[in-house]
Amino acid sequence: MALKLAHFPTVKELAGFDFEAQPPIDPKQIRDLAASRWIANGENVLLLGPCEPAS
């Protein structure tokens, strides 16, 4: 319901992310963060740095 209320032009899902286009990104780590266990554990997440375009 929140996504509908937000009126985003498109909805993107993690399943559609092209990890091969961004080799430095660890798919396992991203999926682990997406599980949101860090919230229940009271941990923080900090994402740093630019996402470099694929060559």
PDB file of N, CA and C in Angstrom:
ATOM      1  N   MET A   1       0.817  -1.180   0.000  1.00  0.00           N
ATOM      2  CA  MET A   1       0.000   0.000   0.000  1.00  0.00           C
ATOM      3  C   MET A   1       0.876   1.264   0.000  1.00  0.00           C
ATOM      4  N   ALA A   2       1.966   1.217   0.752  1.00  0.00           N
ATOM      5  CA  ALA A   2       2.856   2.381   0.821  1.00  0.00           C
ATOM      6  C   ALA A   2       3.456   2.696  -0.549  1.00  0.00           C
ATOM      7  N   LEU A   3       3.770   1.660  -1.331  1.00  0.00           N
ATOM      8  CA  LEU A   3       4.323   1.897  -2.667  1.00  0.00           C
ATOM      9  C   LEU A   3       3.299   2.571  -3.572  1.00  0.00           C
ATOM     10  N   LYS A   4       2.042   2.179  -3.460  1.00  0.00           N
ATOM     11  CA  LYS A   4       0.994   2.821  -4.256  1.00  0.00           C
ATOM     12  C   LYS A   4       0.826   4.274  -3.852  1.00  0.00           C
ATOM     13  N   LEU A   5       0.854   4.533  -2.556  1.00  0.00           N
ATOM     14  CA  LEU A   5       0.697   5.897  -2.066  1.00  0.00           C
ATOM     15  C   LEU A   5       1.878   6.790  -2.465  1.00  0.00           C
ATOM     16  N   ALA A   6       3.048   6.207  -2.633  1.00  0.00           N
ATOM     17  CA  ALA A   6       4.235   6.969  -2.989  1.00  0.00           C
ATOM     18  C   ALA A   6       4.217   7.428  -4.452  1.00  0.00           C
ATOM     19  N   HIS A   7       3.435   6.755  -5.284  1.00  0.00           N
ATOM     20  CA  HIS A   7       3.325   7.095  -6.715  1.00  0.00           C
ATOM     21  C   HIS A   7       4.674   7.089  -7.427  1.00  0.00           C
ATOM     22  N   PHE A   8       5.495   6.080  -7.131  1.00  0.00           N
ATOM     23  CA  PHE A   8       6.768   5.952  -7.835  1.00  0.00           C
ATOM     24  C   PHE A   8       6.485   5.675  -9.307  1.00  0.00           C
ATOM     25  N   PRO A   9       7.293   6.227 -10.222  1.00  0.00           N
ATOM     26  CA  PRO A   9       7.047   5.998 -11.646  1.00  0.00           C
ATOM     27  C   PRO A   9       7.242   4.527 -12.045  1.00  0.00           C
ATOM     28  N   THR A  10       8.197   3.861 -11.417  1.00  0.00           N
ATOM     29  CA  THR A  10       8.410   2.429 -11.635  1.00  0.00           C
ATOM     30  C   THR A  10       8.800   1.798 -10.315  1.00  0.00           C
ATOM     31  N   VAL A  11       8.537   0.519 -10.199  1.00  0.00           N
ATOM     32  CA  VAL A  11       8.923  -0.213  -8.992  1.00  0.00           C
ATOM     33  C   VAL A  11      10.085  -1.121  -9.362  1.00  0.00           C
ATOM     34  N   LYS A  12      11.173  -0.989  -8.653  1.00  0.00           N
ATOM     35  CA  LYS A  12      12.361  -1.824  -8.872  1.00  0.00           C
ATOM     36  C   LYS A  12      12.472  -2.813  -7.728  1.00  0.00           C
ATOM     37  N   GLU A  13      12.838  -4.039  -8.063  1.00  0.00           N
ATOM     38  CA  GLU A  13      13.024  -5.076  -7.044  1.00  0.00           C
ATOM     39  C   GLU A  13      14.457  -5.582  -7.104  1.00  0.00           C
ATOM     40  N   LEU A  14      14.935  -6.062  -5.983  1.00  0.00           N
ATOM     41  CA  LEU A  14      16.292  -6.573  -5.898  1.00  0.00           C
ATOM     42  C   LEU A  14      16.503  -7.742  -6.859  1.00  0.00           C
ATOM     43  N   ALA A  15      15.464  -8.515  -7.094  1.00  0.00           N
ATOM     44  CA  ALA A  15      15.575  -9.659  -7.999  1.00  0.00           C
ATOM     45  C   ALA A  15      15.971  -9.232  -9.414  1.00  0.00           C
ATOM     46  N   GLY A  16      15.655  -7.999  -9.790  1.00  0.00           N
ATOM     47  CA  GLY A  16      15.976  -7.522 -11.122  1.00  0.00           C
ATOM     48  C   GLY A  16      17.308  -6.790 -11.224  1.00  0.00           C
ATOM     49  N   PHE A  17      18.057  -6.691 -10.114  1.00  0.00           N
ATOM     50  CA  PHE A  17      19.334  -5.963 -10.130  1.00  0.00           C
ATOM     51  C   PHE A  17      20.395  -6.772 -10.864  1.00  0.00           C
ATOM     52  N   ASP A  18      21.137  -6.128 -11.741  1.00  0.00           N
ATOM     53  CA  ASP A  18      22.187  -6.783 -12.515  1.00  0.00           C
ATOM     54  C   ASP A  18      23.515  -6.692 -11.758  1.00  0.00           C
ATOM     55  N   PHE A  19      23.793  -7.705 -10.948  1.00  0.00           N
ATOM     56  CA  PHE A  19      25.028  -7.722 -10.160  1.00  0.00           C
ATOM     57  C   PHE A  19      26.257  -7.860 -11.051  1.00  0.00           C
ATOM     58  N   GLU A  20      26.112  -8.464 -12.223  1.00  0.00           N
ATOM     59  CA  GLU A  20      27.255  -8.618 -13.131  1.00  0.00           C
ATOM     60  C   GLU A  20      27.713  -7.269 -13.671  1.00  0.00           C
ATOM     61  N   ALA A  21      26.815  -6.299 -13.735  1.00  0.00           N
ATOM     62  CA  ALA A  21      27.177  -4.965 -14.215  1.00  0.00           C
ATOM     63  C   ALA A  21      27.952  -4.188 -13.154  1.00  0.00           C
ATOM     64  N   GLN A  22      27.880  -4.639 -11.912  1.00  0.00           N
ATOM     65  CA  GLN A  22      28.584  -3.989 -10.797  1.00  0.00           C
ATOM     66  C   GLN A  22      29.379  -5.040 -10.024  1.00  0.00           C
ATOM     67  N   PRO A  23      30.480  -5.532 -10.580  1.00  0.00           N
ATOM     68  CA  PRO A  23      31.255  -6.608  -9.937  1.00  0.00           C
ATOM     69  C   PRO A  23      31.705  -6.335  -8.501  1.00  0.00           C
ATOM     70  N   PRO A  24      31.995  -5.072  -8.112  1.00  0.00           N
ATOM     71  CA  PRO A  24      32.429  -4.863  -6.728  1.00  0.00           C
ATOM     72  C   PRO A  24      31.331  -5.121  -5.693  1.00  0.00           C
ATOM     73  N   ILE A  25      30.091  -5.169  -6.127  1.00  0.00           N
ATOM     74  CA  ILE A  25      28.987  -5.375  -5.189  1.00  0.00           C
ATOM     75  C   ILE A  25      28.830  -6.868  -4.916  1.00  0.00           C
ATOM     76  N   ASP A  26      28.837  -7.243  -3.651  1.00  0.00           N
ATOM     77  CA  ASP A  26      28.698  -8.638  -3.240  1.00  0.00           C
ATOM     78  C   ASP A  26      27.212  -8.995  -3.135  1.00  0.00           C
ATOM     79  N   PRO A  27      26.694  -9.816  -4.063  1.00  0.00           N
ATOM     80  CA  PRO A  27      25.265 -10.152  -4.051  1.00  0.00           C
ATOM     81  C   PRO A  27      24.806 -10.788  -2.737  1.00  0.00           C
ATOM     82  N   LYS A  28      25.632 -11.640  -2.151  1.00  0.00           N
ATOM     83  CA  LYS A  28      25.262 -12.291  -0.893  1.00  0.00           C
ATOM     84  C   LYS A  28      25.081 -11.260   0.216  1.00  0.00           C
ATOM     85  N   GLN A  29      25.985 -10.296   0.281  1.00  0.00           N
ATOM     86  CA  GLN A  29      25.906  -9.269   1.311  1.00  0.00           C
ATOM     87  C   GLN A  29      24.660  -8.393   1.120  1.00  0.00           C
ATOM     88  N   ILE A  30      24.353  -8.044  -0.119  1.00  0.00           N
ATOM     89  CA  ILE A  30      23.178  -7.227  -0.400  1.00  0.00           C
ATOM     90  C   ILE A  30      21.897  -7.984  -0.045  1.00  0.00           C
ATOM     91  N   ARG A  31      21.838  -9.250  -0.380  1.00  0.00           N
ATOM     92  CA  ARG A  31      20.642 -10.046  -0.032  1.00  0.00           C
ATOM     93  C   ARG A  31      20.502 -10.197   1.482  1.00  0.00           C
ATOM     94  N   ASP A  32      21.631 -10.315   2.170  1.00  0.00           N
ATOM     95  CA  ASP A  32      21.602 -10.394   3.627  1.00  0.00           C
ATOM     96  C   ASP A  32      21.071  -9.082   4.222  1.00  0.00           C
ATOM     97  N   LEU A  33      21.518  -7.950   3.688  1.00  0.00           N
ATOM     98  CA  LEU A  33      21.008  -6.655   4.155  1.00  0.00           C
ATOM     99  C   LEU A  33      19.516  -6.516   3.848  1.00  0.00           C
ATOM    100  N   ALA A  34      19.091  -7.018   2.700  1.00  0.00           N
ATOM    101  CA  ALA A  34      17.686  -6.929   2.305  1.00  0.00           C
ATOM    102  C   ALA A  34      16.781  -7.751   3.224  1.00  0.00           C
ATOM    103  N   ALA A  35      17.339  -8.756   3.891  1.00  0.00           N
ATOM    104  CA  ALA A  35      16.545  -9.559   4.828  1.00  0.00           C
ATOM    105  C   ALA A  35      16.188  -8.758   6.077  1.00  0.00           C
ATOM    106  N   SER A  36      16.855  -7.641   6.283  1.00  0.00           N
ATOM    107  CA  SER A  36      16.568  -6.677   7.370  1.00  0.00           C
ATOM    108  C   SER A  36      16.795  -7.209   8.781  1.00  0.00           C
ATOM    109  N   ARG A  37      17.601  -8.240   8.921  1.00  0.00           N
ATOM    110  CA  ARG A  37      17.917  -8.739  10.272  1.00  0.00           C
ATOM    111  C   ARG A  37      18.666  -7.689  11.081  1.00  0.00           C
ATOM    112  N   TRP A  38      19.367  -6.788  10.390  1.00  0.00           N
ATOM    113  CA  TRP A  38      20.130  -5.744  11.071  1.00  0.00           C
ATOM    114  C   TRP A  38      19.214  -4.821  11.867  1.00  0.00           C
ATOM    115  N   ILE A  39      17.979  -4.676  11.450  1.00  0.00           N
ATOM    116  CA  ILE A  39      17.024  -3.839  12.188  1.00  0.00           C
ATOM    117  C   ILE A  39      16.679  -4.492  13.522  1.00  0.00           C
ATOM    118  N   ALA A  40      16.322  -5.773  13.481  1.00  0.00           N
ATOM    119  CA  ALA A  40      15.961  -6.507  14.696  1.00  0.00           C
ATOM    120  C   ALA A  40      17.143  -6.594  15.666  1.00  0.00           C
ATOM    121  N   ASN A  41      18.355  -6.610  15.121  1.00  0.00           N
ATOM    122  CA  ASN A  41      19.557  -6.701  15.949  1.00  0.00           C
ATOM    123  C   ASN A  41      20.001  -5.337  16.483  1.00  0.00           C
ATOM    124  N   GLY A  42      19.318  -4.280  16.097  1.00  0.00           N
ATOM    125  CA  GLY A  42      19.676  -2.935  16.549  1.00  0.00           C
ATOM    126  C   GLY A  42      20.983  -2.438  15.964  1.00  0.00           C
ATOM    127  N   GLU A  43      21.339  -2.929  14.780  1.00  0.00           N
ATOM    128  CA  GLU A  43      22.582  -2.537  14.140  1.00  0.00           C
ATOM    129  C   GLU A  43      22.327  -1.400  13.145  1.00  0.00           C
ATOM    130  N   ASN A  44      23.389  -0.725  12.760  1.00  0.00           N
ATOM    131  CA  ASN A  44      23.320   0.331  11.761  1.00  0.00           C
ATOM    132  C   ASN A  44      23.914  -0.162  10.454  1.00  0.00           C
ATOM    133  N   VAL A  45      23.473   0.434   9.361  1.00  0.00           N
ATOM    134  CA  VAL A  45      24.044   0.148   8.046  1.00  0.00           C
ATOM    135  C   VAL A  45      24.462   1.474   7.432  1.00  0.00           C
ATOM    136  N   LEU A  46      25.682   1.515   6.945  1.00  0.00           N
ATOM    137  CA  LEU A  46      26.197   2.721   6.312  1.00  0.00           C
ATOM    138  C   LEU A  46      26.752   2.332   4.944  1.00  0.00           C
ATOM    139  N   LEU A  47      26.215   2.921   3.895  1.00  0.00           N
ATOM    140  CA  LEU A  47      26.674   2.649   2.540  1.00  0.00           C
ATOM    141  C   LEU A  47      27.492   3.848   2.076  1.00  0.00           C
ATOM    142  N   LEU A  48      28.717   3.584   1.644  1.00  0.00           N
ATOM    143  CA  LEU A  48      29.633   4.650   1.242  1.00  0.00           C
ATOM    144  C   LEU A  48      30.111   4.472  -0.175  1.00  0.00           C
ATOM    145  N   GLY A  49      30.396   5.577  -0.806  1.00  0.00           N
ATOM    146  CA  GLY A  49      31.075   5.557  -2.090  1.00  0.00           C
ATOM    147  C   GLY A  49      30.147   5.532  -3.279  1.00  0.00           C
ATOM    148  N   PRO A  50      30.685   5.967  -4.404  1.00  0.00           N
ATOM    149  CA  PRO A  50      29.902   5.970  -5.626  1.00  0.00           C
ATOM    150  C   PRO A  50      29.820   4.563  -6.216  1.00  0.00           C
ATOM    151  N   CYS A  51      28.807   4.350  -6.965  1.00  0.00           N
ATOM    152  CA  CYS A  51      28.662   3.101  -7.698  1.00  0.00           C
ATOM    153  C   CYS A  51      29.291   3.363  -9.073  1.00  0.00           C
ATOM    154  N   GLU A  52      30.394   2.731  -9.349  1.00  0.00           N
ATOM    155  CA  GLU A  52      31.111   3.002 -10.586  1.00  0.00           C
ATOM    156  C   GLU A  52      30.414   2.343 -11.764  1.00  0.00           C
ATOM    157  N   PRO A  53      30.281   3.056 -12.880  1.00  0.00           N
ATOM    158  CA  PRO A  53      29.627   2.482 -14.055  1.00  0.00           C
ATOM    159  C   PRO A  53      30.448   1.333 -14.624  1.00  0.00           C
ATOM    160  N   ALA A  54      29.753   0.371 -15.201  1.00  0.00           N
ATOM    161  CA  ALA A  54      30.436  -0.765 -15.816  1.00  0.00           C
ATOM    162  C   ALA A  54      31.198  -0.303 -17.052  1.00  0.00           C
ATOM    163  N   SER A  55      32.339  -0.914 -17.303  1.00  0.00           N
ATOM    164  CA  SER A  55      33.153  -0.537 -18.475  1.00  0.00           C
ATOM    165  C   SER A  55      32.680  -1.259 -19.699  1.00  0.00           C
TER     166      SER A  55
END
